[in-house]
Amino acid sequence: MKKLWLLLVPDLTRIHAARRKNAIEKASKSELQAGELGIIAVWLVVVGLVTRSILQGATDDNRITFTIVANLIFTAPALLLVFIPIHIRRVRRDIKRQLSE
């Protein structure tokens, strides 16, 4: 996992190896910017509406199974498609801020 963070946040190489874990944890807890919050809100609405339209095709006999499959195949990956890049952006931004202090 540490090597993945080094690939995603190249500025981490400028932080001493013993302090990297704390730097990543601190960066992960930093606040989201207004634009990022807006993107997340809009994406949640879009994914919710698409998921709802997908689930309207389910019959009463298979509604629970259909819901689980739809959530695993569509909803979770669609949410992660936006949430992961925003999280990485937030970590990069805070690491740069930590380096400038």
Protein backbone atom coordinates (compact mmCIF):
# COMPACT_ATOMS: atom_id res chain seq x y z
CA MET A 1 0.00 0.00 0.00
CA LYS A 2 2.87 2.34 0.77
CA LYS A 3 4.27 1.95 -2.75
CA LEU A 4 0.87 2.69 -4.26
CA TRP A 5 0.69 5.98 -2.35
CA LEU A 6 4.19 6.84 -3.60
CA LEU A 7 2.95 6.35 -7.16
CA LEU A 8 -0.25 8.31 -6.61
CA VAL A 9 1.35 11.14 -4.61
CA PRO A 10 4.91 11.68 -5.88
CA ASP A 11 5.50 14.49 -3.35
CA LEU A 12 5.57 11.84 -0.61
CA THR A 13 9.15 11.04 -1.59
CA ARG A 14 10.12 14.43 -0.15
CA ILE A 15 8.80 13.38 3.27
CA HIS A 16 11.00 11.20 5.49
CA ALA A 17 9.91 7.54 5.33
CA ALA A 18 9.16 7.40 9.07
CA ARG A 19 6.71 10.31 8.79
CA ARG A 20 4.88 9.25 5.61
CA LYS A 21 2.18 7.20 7.32
CA ASN A 22 1.25 10.08 9.63
CA ALA A 23 1.33 12.51 6.70
CA ILE A 24 -1.08 10.35 4.69
CA GLU A 25 -3.41 9.90 7.65
CA LYS A 26 -3.45 13.64 8.30
CA ALA A 27 -4.02 14.36 4.60
CA SER A 28 -6.89 11.85 4.48
CA LYS A 29 -8.66 13.76 7.23
CA SER A 30 -8.35 17.15 5.54
CA GLU A 31 -11.48 18.96 4.42
CA LEU A 32 -13.01 18.71 0.99
CA GLN A 33 -13.25 21.84 -1.15
CA ALA A 34 -16.64 23.22 -2.14
CA GLY A 35 -16.22 22.06 -5.74
CA GLU A 36 -15.44 18.54 -4.63
CA LEU A 37 -18.48 18.50 -2.37
CA GLY A 38 -20.61 19.72 -5.28
CA ILE A 39 -19.29 17.01 -7.59
CA ILE A 40 -19.98 14.36 -4.95
CA ALA A 41 -23.53 15.64 -4.39
CA VAL A 42 -24.36 15.72 -8.10
CA TRP A 43 -22.81 12.28 -8.66
CA LEU A 44 -24.80 10.80 -5.76
CA VAL A 45 -28.03 12.10 -7.31
CA VAL A 46 -27.14 10.81 -10.78
CA VAL A 47 -26.13 7.35 -9.52
CA GLY A 48 -29.22 7.21 -7.29
CA LEU A 49 -31.53 8.01 -10.20
CA VAL A 50 -29.89 5.50 -12.53
CA THR A 51 -29.94 2.81 -9.84
CA ARG A 52 -33.59 3.52 -9.15
CA SER A 53 -34.44 3.17 -12.83
CA ILE A 54 -32.48 -0.11 -13.01
CA LEU A 55 -34.32 -1.49 -9.98
CA GLN A 56 -37.75 -0.71 -11.45
CA GLY A 57 -37.28 -3.73 -13.71
CA ALA A 58 -37.24 -6.11 -10.76
CA THR A 59 -40.24 -8.27 -10.01
CA ASP A 60 -41.46 -9.03 -6.50
CA ASP A 61 -40.01 -12.54 -6.66
CA ASN A 62 -36.43 -11.45 -7.24
CA ARG A 63 -36.32 -7.91 -5.86
CA ILE A 64 -33.76 -8.56 -3.09
CA THR A 65 -31.41 -10.54 -5.34
CA PHE A 66 -31.77 -8.01 -8.16
CA THR A 67 -31.02 -5.14 -5.75
CA ILE A 68 -27.87 -6.82 -4.43
CA VAL A 69 -26.61 -7.60 -7.92
CA ALA A 70 -27.37 -4.08 -9.21
CA ASN A 71 -25.56 -2.53 -6.26
CA LEU A 72 -22.51 -4.75 -6.72
CA ILE A 73 -22.32 -4.41 -10.50
CA PHE A 74 -23.35 -0.78 -11.02
CA THR A 75 -23.82 1.37 -7.93
CA ALA A 76 -20.64 0.64 -5.96
CA PRO A 77 -18.26 0.93 -8.95
CA ALA A 78 -20.03 4.08 -10.17
CA LEU A 79 -19.61 5.75 -6.79
CA LEU A 80 -15.97 4.69 -6.52
CA LEU A 81 -15.35 6.10 -10.00
CA VAL A 82 -15.68 9.60 -8.54
CA PHE A 83 -14.88 9.14 -4.84
CA ILE A 84 -11.41 7.61 -5.31
CA PRO A 85 -10.02 10.37 -7.59
CA ILE A 86 -11.41 13.05 -5.28
CA HIS A 87 -9.79 11.38 -2.27
CA ILE A 88 -6.45 11.13 -4.07
CA ARG A 89 -6.71 14.80 -5.07
CA ARG A 90 -7.42 15.78 -1.46
CA VAL A 91 -4.42 13.79 -0.21
CA ARG A 92 -2.12 15.30 -2.85
CA ARG A 93 -3.29 18.81 -1.98
CA ASP A 94 -2.74 18.34 1.73
CA ILE A 95 0.67 16.71 1.27
CA LYS A 96 1.76 19.73 -0.77
CA ARG A 97 0.43 21.97 2.01
CA GLN A 98 2.36 19.98 4.61
CA LEU A 99 5.55 20.35 2.60
CA SER A 100 5.15 24.10 2.30
CA GLU A 101 4.81 24.53 6.08
